[in-house]
Amino acid sequence: LDGTKRILCRSVYLFVWWTWALTILSLCSGIGAEPLPHTAAKLEFERDLARVQADIQNETLFNRETCAEYIRRNADFLIERGAESYRPRTAADWQRLREQAPRLLREMFNLRVSLADRLRTFHRDGAVNEACIATIRRAFRYSRFVEELIAEFLVSERLQDLPATPLQGSAPSLMLNPAFPALDLRSGDLLLVRSPSFVSAAIARIGDEDGQFSHLGMVYVADDGSKYVMESLIESGVVIVPLDEWLTQERDRLLVLRHRDSRLAEKASGDLHDWIEDHQSAGETIPYDYEMDLSDQSKMFCAELVGFAYERASLGELRLPAYSTSLEALQGHPFLNHLGIRSRTTFAPGDVEVDPRLQLVAEWRDLRNTAKSRIQDAILTSILDWMVSRDYQLTHHGLLWMDAYWTLLRPLGVGKKSLPANIKISFVKSMLGMRSVADLIFRRVEPPLREELQQDPLALDYKSILAAVEAYRVFDCERLIAYESWLRENPVHFGRRDEPAFPELHYLIAPPAAEDCRGEPLP
């Protein structure tokens, strides 16, 4: 019996000792190691998204009066906190993002659909205040940036198919409103577009509240089922283009919106088609409206054409948009004056996204180009902000050839097809000047941003890009001040070796005085 006790005691002792030793060993080996991947815990971003989705359905929390303040306070995980809200922190978080990305993308898209639905209920009781509309626009814009960033991550991880043809493919390239089981374009549908150019980015972001779309067209379906797009283009004015041909053009983003009154939509489309054909049959061209003057219908810009169609079909009862874009911030600035725009409000293409009488059907994006588009957006937003807050102005350096062309060659018909008769030289020079500035900034900030992307697949978030653009402006500002100081001391230099670096950005766009590029923006 004593021997048995001794054996049992030794067994217990060895068991306890080995358990203790293995515990210490496992703890020591885990020091500094990544947590083992698991997917049980929700990401902070998931919790924020679910909370906001639930809150906006609660009329006590989210209504006409609380709309702006609620979005400002509770959507900061999209707007103010930026990438820190959705960037994974551990190996387990990265794994969960990989697994949950498709669902998160659907939920973010559905959040925008839900916001639009709530806006419709607000609008039933009368016009919604400007602050609410502005914050909803901002929520749409930033949520779209986040969606695209996560979609790009998903594509890089899983190598999903990336259709280059607009409106083709499936999620995450093509997202459908759950209310529409399939995408079937109908007469009167609106096609809201962002193209891959800096001119497109400039048009999209010229209003007081940034936009993401620069062009608007209307679908027409003929009796034989063939489909067309009616639109007004800068280079040619009002045209009718077969849908198949229209879809061959490059697009970064494309929304399909549908008026809730299908009969009115069909009538607006049919009447507009007949009206355009009547003008074409008579040999008349409806030119593009560069001044964006809604009171003059002898010429039309893209959104004006769509508004004209619905107003005409409804005998003046329906006017688009419900909420216009304000141009107050740039009033009096040479850039807006050179474009020829005098109005304080306009119908920007993106206004249809916050029109409660229209419903989002589908959204397509070319995920090969959305990162570049996001950089372009940040660059154009920054340039226009410098114009407003620092009184920066385009110098038009390097565009003397345009004056020579306009004086000597244009009267001879050179470039007639590319430059319509009613376009003004000030418009062309301003757009070319803006493009030169934007191209330069892109060349300077894009390579380092791409390098960061190699280390962090979520590096190209919008706020980080804005910060990179501003850092480049500050860097070139110091170059400008140093260069002008050196020139004052060396008025005759003939390329001396000690000449400081040339301020290339501020050669193309600059404040009234070199020192004005420093310090805080204007109030």
Protein backbone atom coordinates (compact mmCIF):
# COMPACT_ATOMS: atom_id res chain seq x y z
CA LEU A 1 0.00 0.00 0.00
CA ASP A 2 2.87 2.39 0.85
CA GLY A 3 4.48 1.61 -2.51
CA THR A 4 1.23 2.36 -4.29
CA LYS A 5 0.96 5.70 -2.49
CA ARG A 6 4.49 6.59 -3.46
CA ILE A 7 3.80 5.81 -7.13
CA LEU A 8 0.62 7.90 -7.06
CA CYS A 9 2.37 10.84 -5.37
CA ARG A 10 5.21 10.74 -7.88
CA SER A 11 2.72 10.61 -10.76
CA VAL A 12 0.85 13.63 -9.45
CA TYR A 13 4.13 15.47 -8.85
CA LEU A 14 5.35 14.76 -12.40
CA PHE A 15 2.00 15.75 -13.89
CA VAL A 16 2.01 19.07 -12.04
CA TRP A 17 5.65 19.74 -12.89
CA TRP A 18 5.23 19.02 -16.63
CA THR A 19 2.02 21.08 -16.80
CA TRP A 20 3.81 24.02 -15.18
CA ALA A 21 6.86 23.61 -17.46
CA LEU A 22 4.77 23.43 -20.65
CA THR A 23 2.78 26.50 -19.59
CA ILE A 24 5.95 28.54 -19.00
CA LEU A 25 7.39 27.32 -22.32
CA SER A 26 4.29 28.27 -24.29
CA LEU A 27 4.18 31.71 -22.67
CA CYS A 28 7.84 32.36 -23.44
CA SER A 29 7.54 31.21 -27.05
CA GLY A 30 4.57 33.56 -27.54
CA ILE A 31 6.46 36.70 -26.51
CA GLY A 32 6.62 39.08 -29.51
CA ALA A 33 4.75 36.66 -31.79
CA GLU A 34 1.65 37.52 -33.80
CA PRO A 35 -1.62 36.22 -32.37
CA LEU A 36 -2.79 33.05 -34.03
CA PRO A 37 -5.25 33.87 -36.82
CA HIS A 38 -8.88 33.55 -35.91
CA THR A 39 -12.04 35.21 -37.18
CA ALA A 40 -14.31 35.25 -34.17
CA ALA A 41 -14.07 38.94 -33.24
CA LYS A 42 -15.71 41.62 -35.36
CA LEU A 43 -13.66 44.46 -36.74
CA GLU A 44 -14.25 47.90 -35.27
CA PHE A 45 -15.32 49.01 -38.75
CA GLU A 46 -17.99 46.28 -38.85
CA ARG A 47 -19.44 47.42 -35.55
CA ASP A 48 -19.52 51.08 -36.63
CA LEU A 49 -21.15 50.19 -39.92
CA ALA A 50 -23.84 48.04 -38.28
CA ARG A 51 -24.55 50.75 -35.70
CA VAL A 52 -25.03 53.51 -38.30
CA GLN A 53 -27.12 51.24 -40.52
CA ALA A 54 -29.46 50.58 -37.59
CA ASP A 55 -29.51 54.20 -36.38
CA ILE A 56 -30.56 55.75 -39.68
CA GLN A 57 -33.70 53.61 -39.62
CA ASN A 58 -34.55 55.02 -36.20
CA GLU A 59 -36.61 58.20 -36.72
CA THR A 60 -35.84 59.40 -33.22
CA LEU A 61 -32.09 59.34 -33.89
CA PHE A 62 -32.06 60.24 -37.57
CA ASN A 63 -34.60 62.70 -38.95
CA ARG A 64 -34.85 65.97 -40.88
CA GLU A 65 -33.63 68.00 -37.91
CA THR A 66 -30.84 65.69 -36.71
CA CYS A 67 -29.59 64.58 -40.14
CA ALA A 68 -26.52 66.81 -40.48
CA GLU A 69 -25.42 66.58 -36.86
CA TYR A 70 -25.89 62.80 -36.74
CA ILE A 71 -23.72 62.22 -39.82
CA ARG A 72 -21.05 64.61 -38.54
CA ARG A 73 -20.89 62.83 -35.17
CA ASN A 74 -21.42 59.21 -36.15
CA ALA A 75 -20.02 58.80 -39.65
CA ASP A 76 -16.57 60.01 -38.61
CA PHE A 77 -15.33 56.44 -39.04
CA LEU A 78 -15.72 57.09 -42.78
CA ILE A 79 -14.85 60.78 -42.96
CA GLU A 80 -12.74 62.10 -40.09
CA ARG A 81 -10.96 59.02 -38.79
CA GLY A 82 -10.10 57.82 -42.29
CA ALA A 83 -8.13 54.62 -42.78
CA GLU A 84 -7.52 54.17 -39.06
CA SER A 85 -11.15 53.11 -38.79
CA TYR A 86 -10.89 50.14 -41.10
CA ARG A 87 -7.18 49.21 -41.28
CA PRO A 88 -6.65 45.81 -39.55
CA ARG A 89 -4.30 45.77 -36.56
CA THR A 90 -3.54 42.09 -36.13
CA ALA A 91 -3.12 39.01 -38.28
CA ALA A 92 -6.58 37.90 -37.16
CA ASP A 93 -8.05 41.24 -38.29
CA TRP A 94 -6.46 40.92 -41.72
CA GLN A 95 -7.86 37.42 -42.05
CA ARG A 96 -11.31 38.58 -41.06
CA LEU A 97 -11.17 41.44 -43.57
CA ARG A 98 -10.28 38.95 -46.31
CA GLU A 99 -13.25 36.79 -45.40
CA GLN A 100 -15.76 39.54 -44.69
CA ALA A 101 -14.83 42.04 -47.45
CA PRO A 102 -17.57 40.92 -49.91
CA ARG A 103 -20.24 41.27 -47.20
CA LEU A 104 -18.85 44.60 -45.98
CA LEU A 105 -18.91 45.98 -49.52
CA ARG A 106 -22.55 45.01 -49.93
CA GLU A 107 -23.43 46.56 -46.58
CA MET A 108 -21.63 49.81 -47.39
CA PHE A 109 -23.38 50.02 -50.74
CA ASN A 110 -26.70 49.28 -49.02
CA LEU A 111 -25.93 52.00 -46.46
CA ARG A 112 -25.89 54.54 -49.29
CA VAL A 113 -29.13 53.09 -50.64
CA SER A 114 -30.68 53.41 -47.17
CA LEU A 115 -29.46 57.00 -46.79
CA ALA A 116 -31.05 57.88 -50.14
CA ASP A 117 -34.32 56.22 -49.04
CA ARG A 118 -34.35 58.23 -45.81
CA LEU A 119 -33.68 61.42 -47.76
CA ARG A 120 -36.75 60.62 -49.83
CA THR A 121 -38.89 60.43 -46.68
CA PHE A 122 -37.47 63.77 -45.49
CA HIS A 123 -38.21 65.36 -48.88
CA ARG A 124 -41.88 64.36 -48.78
CA ASP A 125 -42.45 66.95 -46.05
CA GLY A 126 -40.74 69.73 -48.01
CA ALA A 127 -37.26 70.92 -48.93
CA VAL A 128 -34.46 69.49 -46.81
CA ASN A 129 -31.98 71.96 -45.28
CA GLU A 130 -28.63 72.55 -46.99
CA ALA A 131 -26.59 71.17 -44.09
CA CYS A 132 -28.33 67.79 -44.32
CA ILE A 133 -27.85 67.59 -48.10
CA ALA A 134 -24.17 68.57 -47.78
CA THR A 135 -23.42 65.92 -45.16
CA ILE A 136 -25.25 63.23 -47.12
CA ARG A 137 -23.19 64.14 -50.19
CA ARG A 138 -20.06 63.83 -48.04
CA ALA A 139 -21.15 60.47 -46.64
CA PHE A 140 -21.79 59.18 -50.16
CA ARG A 141 -18.39 60.38 -51.33
CA TYR A 142 -16.31 59.01 -48.48
CA SER A 143 -18.17 55.71 -48.23
CA ARG A 144 -17.53 55.23 -51.95
CA PHE A 145 -13.81 55.88 -51.41
CA VAL A 146 -13.74 53.30 -48.60
CA GLU A 147 -15.71 50.78 -50.67
CA GLU A 148 -13.27 51.11 -53.54
CA LEU A 149 -10.26 50.82 -51.24
CA ILE A 150 -11.56 47.59 -49.70
CA ALA A 151 -12.60 46.28 -53.13
CA GLU A 152 -9.08 46.93 -54.44
CA PHE A 153 -7.71 44.98 -51.47
CA LEU A 154 -10.11 42.11 -52.16
CA VAL A 155 -9.13 42.02 -55.82
CA SER A 156 -5.41 42.05 -54.99
CA GLU A 157 -5.91 39.17 -52.58
CA ARG A 158 -8.20 36.99 -54.66
CA LEU A 159 -7.44 38.05 -58.23
CA GLN A 160 -11.09 38.43 -59.12
CA ASP A 161 -12.24 39.13 -62.66
CA LEU A 162 -12.07 42.83 -63.52
CA PRO A 163 -14.33 43.65 -66.45
CA ALA A 164 -13.17 46.73 -68.38
CA THR A 165 -16.53 47.26 -70.07
CA PRO A 166 -18.90 49.44 -68.04
CA LEU A 167 -21.97 47.73 -66.51
CA GLN A 168 -20.42 44.27 -66.97
CA GLY A 169 -19.30 41.75 -64.36
CA SER A 170 -20.47 41.27 -60.81
CA ALA A 171 -19.61 42.44 -57.29
CA PRO A 172 -17.41 44.17 -56.35
CA SER A 173 -17.17 45.79 -59.81
CA LEU A 174 -20.94 45.92 -60.32
CA MET A 175 -23.24 46.49 -57.34
CA LEU A 176 -27.02 46.26 -57.65
CA ASN A 177 -29.65 47.88 -55.47
CA PRO A 178 -31.47 44.97 -53.72
CA ALA A 179 -34.74 46.45 -55.03
CA PHE A 180 -33.62 45.59 -58.59
CA PRO A 181 -32.79 41.90 -59.09
CA ALA A 182 -31.23 42.55 -62.50
CA LEU A 183 -29.80 45.42 -64.52
CA ASP A 184 -32.04 46.20 -67.47
CA LEU A 185 -31.65 49.72 -68.86
CA ARG A 186 -34.92 51.48 -69.64
CA SER A 187 -35.93 54.66 -71.42
CA GLY A 188 -35.35 57.65 -69.17
CA ASP A 189 -32.62 56.01 -67.07
CA LEU A 190 -29.78 58.37 -66.23
CA LEU A 191 -26.12 57.41 -66.61
CA LEU A 192 -23.90 59.32 -64.18
CA VAL A 193 -20.23 59.11 -65.16
CA ARG A 194 -16.70 59.82 -64.00
CA SER A 195 -14.07 59.48 -66.74
CA PRO A 196 -10.32 58.87 -66.22
CA SER A 197 -9.05 62.39 -66.97
CA PHE A 198 -8.11 65.47 -64.96
CA VAL A 199 -10.63 67.55 -66.90
CA SER A 200 -13.32 65.14 -65.72
CA ALA A 201 -12.03 65.42 -62.14
CA ALA A 202 -12.06 69.23 -62.37
CA ILE A 203 -15.66 69.35 -63.58
CA ALA A 204 -16.72 66.93 -60.85
CA ARG A 205 -15.16 69.00 -58.06
CA ILE A 206 -15.83 72.59 -59.09
CA GLY A 207 -18.74 73.11 -56.66
CA ASP A 208 -18.56 74.15 -53.01
CA GLU A 209 -19.15 70.52 -52.03
CA ASP A 210 -16.89 68.09 -53.91
CA GLY A 211 -18.48 65.69 -56.37
CA GLN A 212 -17.32 62.43 -57.91
CA PHE A 213 -19.07 62.59 -61.28
CA SER A 214 -18.54 64.81 -64.30
CA HIS A 215 -21.04 63.75 -66.95
CA LEU A 216 -24.70 62.80 -67.28
CA GLY A 217 -26.56 61.10 -70.12
CA MET A 218 -30.06 59.70 -70.69
CA VAL A 219 -31.01 56.28 -72.09
CA TYR A 220 -33.46 55.90 -74.96
CA VAL A 221 -34.85 52.48 -75.96
CA ALA A 222 -36.30 52.36 -79.47
CA ASP A 223 -39.35 50.30 -80.45
CA ASP A 224 -37.09 47.60 -81.88
CA GLY A 225 -35.24 47.30 -78.56
CA SER A 226 -32.05 49.06 -79.67
CA LYS A 227 -30.61 51.36 -77.02
CA TYR A 228 -29.02 54.79 -77.26
CA VAL A 229 -27.51 57.45 -75.01
CA MET A 230 -28.47 61.10 -75.45
CA GLU A 231 -25.86 63.51 -74.12
CA SER A 232 -24.10 66.84 -74.60
CA LEU A 233 -20.34 66.74 -75.05
CA ILE A 234 -17.76 69.53 -74.78
CA GLU A 235 -16.33 68.79 -78.22
CA SER A 236 -19.55 68.22 -80.19
CA GLY A 237 -22.63 69.46 -78.34
CA VAL A 238 -25.84 67.39 -78.19
CA VAL A 239 -25.61 63.92 -79.78
CA ILE A 240 -27.33 60.52 -79.85
CA VAL A 241 -24.90 57.60 -79.51
CA PRO A 242 -25.69 53.84 -79.75
CA LEU A 243 -25.32 52.32 -76.26
CA ASP A 244 -22.86 49.66 -77.47
CA GLU A 245 -20.60 52.38 -78.86
CA TRP A 246 -21.01 54.51 -75.74
CA LEU A 247 -19.94 51.60 -73.53
CA THR A 248 -16.62 51.26 -75.38
CA GLN A 249 -15.38 54.52 -73.83
CA GLU A 250 -13.25 54.43 -70.69
CA ARG A 251 -15.09 55.06 -67.43
CA ASP A 252 -13.87 54.97 -63.85
CA ARG A 253 -17.29 55.07 -62.21
CA LEU A 254 -20.81 54.78 -63.56
CA LEU A 255 -24.16 55.00 -61.76
CA VAL A 256 -27.55 54.07 -63.20
CA LEU A 257 -30.43 56.08 -61.72
CA ARG A 258 -34.13 55.73 -62.52
CA HIS A 259 -37.00 58.13 -62.03
CA ARG A 260 -39.69 56.66 -59.79
CA ASP A 261 -42.40 57.62 -62.31
CA SER A 262 -41.70 55.18 -65.17
CA ARG A 263 -44.27 56.75 -67.52
CA LEU A 264 -42.78 60.20 -67.11
CA ALA A 265 -39.27 58.79 -67.61
CA GLU A 266 -40.28 57.07 -70.85
CA LYS A 267 -42.01 60.20 -72.13
CA ALA A 268 -39.03 62.42 -71.25
CA SER A 269 -36.69 60.09 -73.12
CA GLY A 270 -38.91 59.71 -76.19
CA ASP A 271 -39.65 63.43 -76.47
CA LEU A 272 -35.98 64.34 -76.08
CA HIS A 273 -34.98 61.82 -78.75
CA ASP A 274 -37.51 63.27 -81.21
CA TRP A 275 -36.44 66.83 -80.36
CA ILE A 276 -32.77 66.06 -81.05
CA GLU A 277 -33.59 64.21 -84.27
CA ASP A 278 -35.70 67.15 -85.49
CA HIS A 279 -32.73 69.49 -85.02
CA GLN A 280 -30.36 67.05 -86.70
CA SER A 281 -32.73 66.60 -89.65
CA ALA A 282 -32.78 70.37 -90.08
CA GLY A 283 -28.97 70.41 -90.06
CA GLU A 284 -28.87 72.21 -86.70
CA THR A 285 -26.37 71.48 -83.95
CA ILE A 286 -27.18 72.25 -80.32
CA PRO A 287 -23.80 73.47 -79.02
CA TYR A 288 -22.33 72.80 -75.60
CA ASP A 289 -23.02 75.41 -72.91
CA TYR A 290 -19.60 76.26 -71.44
CA GLU A 291 -21.07 78.99 -69.21
CA MET A 292 -23.46 76.48 -67.55
CA ASP A 293 -26.29 79.00 -67.98
CA LEU A 294 -29.57 77.21 -67.23
CA SER A 295 -31.62 80.15 -68.52
CA ASP A 296 -30.37 79.80 -72.12
CA GLN A 297 -31.54 76.62 -73.87
CA SER A 298 -30.05 77.49 -77.26
CA LYS A 299 -26.97 75.65 -75.97
CA MET A 300 -26.80 72.95 -73.32
CA PHE A 301 -24.34 71.21 -71.05
CA CYS A 302 -24.92 67.55 -70.15
CA ALA A 303 -26.99 67.92 -66.97
CA GLU A 304 -28.94 70.83 -68.47
CA LEU A 305 -30.05 68.55 -71.32
CA VAL A 306 -31.44 65.96 -68.88
CA GLY A 307 -33.20 68.64 -66.83
CA PHE A 308 -34.70 70.08 -70.02
CA ALA A 309 -36.06 66.64 -70.99
CA TYR A 310 -37.91 66.08 -67.72
CA GLU A 311 -39.20 69.64 -67.44
CA ARG A 312 -40.51 69.51 -71.02
CA ALA A 313 -42.16 66.10 -70.59
CA SER A 314 -43.87 67.16 -67.33
CA LEU A 315 -45.04 70.50 -68.80
CA GLY A 316 -42.90 72.35 -66.31
CA GLU A 317 -44.06 70.49 -63.19
CA LEU A 318 -40.81 68.58 -62.60
CA ARG A 319 -37.53 70.40 -62.47
CA LEU A 320 -34.19 68.73 -61.88
CA PRO A 321 -32.27 68.83 -59.65
CA ALA A 322 -34.06 68.93 -56.32
CA TYR A 323 -30.84 70.25 -54.72
CA SER A 324 -28.42 72.30 -56.82
CA THR A 325 -24.67 72.74 -56.50
CA SER A 326 -23.45 76.01 -55.03
CA LEU A 327 -20.60 77.90 -56.71
CA GLU A 328 -20.26 80.59 -54.06
CA ALA A 329 -16.72 79.74 -52.90
CA LEU A 330 -15.08 80.52 -56.26
CA GLN A 331 -17.20 83.57 -57.09
CA GLY A 332 -14.99 86.36 -58.38
CA HIS A 333 -11.94 84.13 -58.72
CA PRO A 334 -10.18 84.42 -62.10
CA PHE A 335 -10.46 80.65 -62.67
CA LEU A 336 -14.27 80.69 -62.65
CA ASN A 337 -14.34 83.95 -64.60
CA HIS A 338 -12.05 82.55 -67.29
CA LEU A 339 -14.33 79.54 -67.64
CA GLY A 340 -17.15 82.00 -68.28
CA ILE A 341 -19.30 80.76 -65.40
CA ARG A 342 -21.26 83.59 -63.79
CA SER A 343 -24.03 81.69 -62.01
CA ARG A 344 -23.89 81.15 -58.24
CA THR A 345 -25.64 77.77 -58.50
CA THR A 346 -25.73 75.15 -61.20
CA PHE A 347 -27.00 71.69 -62.05
CA ALA A 348 -23.87 69.60 -61.53
CA PRO A 349 -24.09 66.00 -62.81
CA GLY A 350 -23.65 64.60 -59.29
CA ASP A 351 -26.75 66.45 -58.07
CA VAL A 352 -28.92 63.59 -59.33
CA GLU A 353 -27.39 61.33 -56.65
CA VAL A 354 -29.17 63.33 -53.94
CA ASP A 355 -32.42 63.84 -55.85
CA PRO A 356 -35.13 61.92 -53.90
CA ARG A 357 -37.25 61.45 -57.04
CA LEU A 358 -34.54 59.27 -58.54
CA GLN A 359 -33.53 55.81 -57.36
CA LEU A 360 -30.10 54.22 -57.59
CA VAL A 361 -30.33 51.04 -59.67
CA ALA A 362 -26.68 50.02 -60.00
CA GLU A 363 -23.11 51.20 -59.64
CA TRP A 364 -20.14 50.03 -61.67
CA ARG A 365 -16.48 50.90 -61.15
CA ASP A 366 -13.31 49.93 -62.97
CA LEU A 367 -11.26 48.65 -60.06
CA ARG A 368 -8.10 48.80 -62.17
CA ASN A 369 -8.41 52.61 -62.18
CA THR A 370 -10.20 53.61 -58.97
CA ALA A 371 -6.95 54.14 -57.03
CA LYS A 372 -5.68 56.53 -59.72
CA SER A 373 -9.06 58.24 -59.79
CA ARG A 374 -8.90 58.74 -56.01
CA ILE A 375 -5.50 60.42 -56.39
CA GLN A 376 -6.86 62.66 -59.14
CA ASP A 377 -9.82 63.62 -56.95
CA ALA A 378 -7.53 64.56 -54.06
CA ILE A 379 -5.30 66.62 -56.36
CA LEU A 380 -8.18 68.60 -57.89
CA THR A 381 -9.80 69.13 -54.49
CA SER A 382 -6.48 70.47 -53.20
CA ILE A 383 -5.91 72.82 -56.16
CA LEU A 384 -9.40 74.32 -55.88
CA ASP A 385 -8.98 74.65 -52.11
CA TRP A 386 -5.71 76.57 -52.64
CA MET A 387 -7.59 78.91 -54.97
CA VAL A 388 -10.26 79.57 -52.36
CA SER A 389 -8.21 79.57 -49.15
CA ARG A 390 -4.85 80.94 -50.38
CA ASP A 391 -5.87 82.91 -53.48
CA TYR A 392 -3.67 80.76 -55.73
CA GLN A 393 -4.08 81.52 -59.44
CA LEU A 394 -3.04 79.72 -62.59
CA THR A 395 -0.06 81.46 -64.20
CA HIS A 396 -0.70 80.00 -67.71
CA HIS A 397 3.07 79.71 -68.17
CA GLY A 398 3.89 77.54 -71.14
CA LEU A 399 0.66 78.38 -72.97
CA LEU A 400 1.86 81.18 -75.23
CA TRP A 401 1.49 78.77 -78.14
CA MET A 402 -2.27 78.83 -77.52
CA ASP A 403 -2.39 82.59 -78.12
CA ALA A 404 -0.45 82.15 -81.36
CA TYR A 405 -2.75 79.34 -82.48
CA TRP A 406 -5.88 81.35 -81.69
CA THR A 407 -4.60 84.38 -83.59
CA LEU A 408 -3.01 82.74 -86.62
CA LEU A 409 -4.23 79.19 -87.14
CA ARG A 410 -7.75 79.01 -85.75
CA PRO A 411 -9.11 81.53 -88.32
CA LEU A 412 -7.80 79.15 -91.02
CA GLY A 413 -9.85 76.27 -89.60
CA VAL A 414 -6.96 74.36 -87.99
CA GLY A 415 -8.26 72.25 -85.08
CA LYS A 416 -11.85 72.99 -86.06
CA LYS A 417 -13.08 69.49 -85.15
CA SER A 418 -11.44 69.47 -81.72
CA LEU A 419 -12.39 73.01 -80.71
CA PRO A 420 -16.02 74.02 -81.41
CA ALA A 421 -16.77 77.47 -82.78
CA ASN A 422 -18.38 78.73 -79.55
CA ILE A 423 -15.53 77.77 -77.22
CA LYS A 424 -13.47 80.66 -75.81
CA ILE A 425 -9.70 80.80 -75.50
CA SER A 426 -9.96 81.67 -71.80
CA PHE A 427 -11.87 78.41 -71.19
CA VAL A 428 -9.31 76.34 -73.09
CA LYS A 429 -6.30 77.98 -71.39
CA SER A 430 -7.83 77.52 -67.94
CA MET A 431 -8.51 73.84 -68.53
CA LEU A 432 -5.05 73.28 -70.01
CA GLY A 433 -3.46 75.19 -67.15
CA MET A 434 -5.36 73.17 -64.57
CA ARG A 435 -4.38 69.94 -66.29
CA SER A 436 -0.69 70.97 -66.32
CA VAL A 437 -0.75 71.60 -62.56
CA ALA A 438 -2.61 68.36 -61.85
CA ASP A 439 -0.29 66.30 -64.08
CA LEU A 440 2.78 67.70 -62.31
CA ILE A 441 1.41 66.95 -58.83
CA PHE A 442 0.42 63.45 -59.92
CA ARG A 443 3.94 62.74 -61.20
CA ARG A 444 5.42 63.85 -57.87
CA VAL A 445 3.06 62.20 -55.36
CA GLU A 446 1.99 59.00 -57.14
CA PRO A 447 5.33 57.06 -57.06
CA PRO A 448 5.86 57.33 -53.27
CA LEU A 449 2.19 56.53 -52.67
CA ARG A 450 2.55 53.39 -54.80
CA GLU A 451 5.62 52.40 -52.76
CA GLU A 452 3.58 52.67 -49.58
CA LEU A 453 0.98 50.45 -51.21
CA GLN A 454 3.58 47.69 -51.50
CA GLN A 455 3.90 47.70 -47.71
CA ASP A 456 0.24 48.34 -46.84
CA PRO A 457 -2.58 47.28 -49.24
CA LEU A 458 -4.86 49.92 -47.67
CA ALA A 459 -2.36 52.77 -47.92
CA LEU A 460 -4.12 54.74 -50.67
CA ASP A 461 -6.93 56.07 -48.54
CA TYR A 462 -8.27 59.52 -49.48
CA LYS A 463 -7.08 61.45 -46.43
CA SER A 464 -3.54 60.11 -46.79
CA ILE A 465 -3.49 61.22 -50.42
CA LEU A 466 -4.69 64.71 -49.46
CA ALA A 467 -1.89 64.89 -46.89
CA ALA A 468 0.71 63.84 -49.50
CA VAL A 469 -0.48 66.53 -51.93
CA GLU A 470 -0.32 69.22 -49.24
CA ALA A 471 3.16 68.05 -48.20
CA TYR A 472 4.34 68.51 -51.79
CA ARG A 473 2.84 72.04 -51.90
CA VAL A 474 4.65 72.98 -48.67
CA PHE A 475 7.91 71.51 -50.01
CA ASP A 476 7.64 73.51 -53.24
CA CYS A 477 6.60 76.62 -51.29
CA GLU A 478 9.96 76.59 -49.51
CA ARG A 479 11.65 76.17 -52.87
CA LEU A 480 9.75 79.21 -54.19
CA ILE A 481 10.80 81.45 -51.29
CA ALA A 482 14.44 80.34 -51.51
CA TYR A 483 14.51 80.75 -55.28
CA GLU A 484 13.00 84.25 -55.30
CA SER A 485 15.35 85.34 -52.50
CA TRP A 486 18.34 84.10 -54.50
CA LEU A 487 17.11 85.89 -57.64
CA ARG A 488 16.88 89.18 -55.76
CA GLU A 489 20.50 88.77 -54.71
CA ASN A 490 21.59 87.56 -58.14
CA PRO A 491 19.57 89.42 -60.78
CA VAL A 492 22.10 88.45 -63.44
CA HIS A 493 23.07 84.81 -63.04
CA PHE A 494 23.16 82.99 -66.40
CA GLY A 495 22.71 79.53 -64.91
CA ARG A 496 25.20 79.71 -62.04
CA ARG A 497 25.97 76.43 -60.31
CA ASP A 498 24.70 77.65 -56.95
CA GLU A 499 21.24 78.40 -58.38
CA PRO A 500 18.69 76.76 -56.02
CA ALA A 501 16.13 74.21 -57.13
CA PHE A 502 13.38 75.62 -59.34
CA PRO A 503 9.86 75.77 -57.76
CA GLU A 504 8.10 73.80 -60.47
CA LEU A 505 4.64 73.74 -58.87
CA HIS A 506 4.58 77.44 -58.07
CA TYR A 507 5.71 78.19 -61.61
CA LEU A 508 2.30 76.95 -62.80
CA ILE A 509 0.07 78.08 -59.92
CA ALA A 510 0.94 80.60 -57.23
CA PRO A 511 -0.39 83.04 -54.61
CA PRO A 512 -0.09 86.83 -55.12
CA ALA A 513 3.22 86.93 -53.16
CA ALA A 514 5.72 84.14 -52.56
CA GLU A 515 5.47 84.39 -48.76
CA ASP A 516 1.70 83.85 -48.98
CA CYS A 517 2.28 80.16 -49.64
CA ARG A 518 3.34 79.81 -46.00
CA GLY A 519 1.19 79.98 -42.91
CA GLU A 520 -2.46 79.27 -42.31
CA PRO A 521 -5.06 79.46 -45.10
CA LEU A 522 -7.19 82.57 -45.48
CA PRO A 523 -10.32 82.68 -43.26
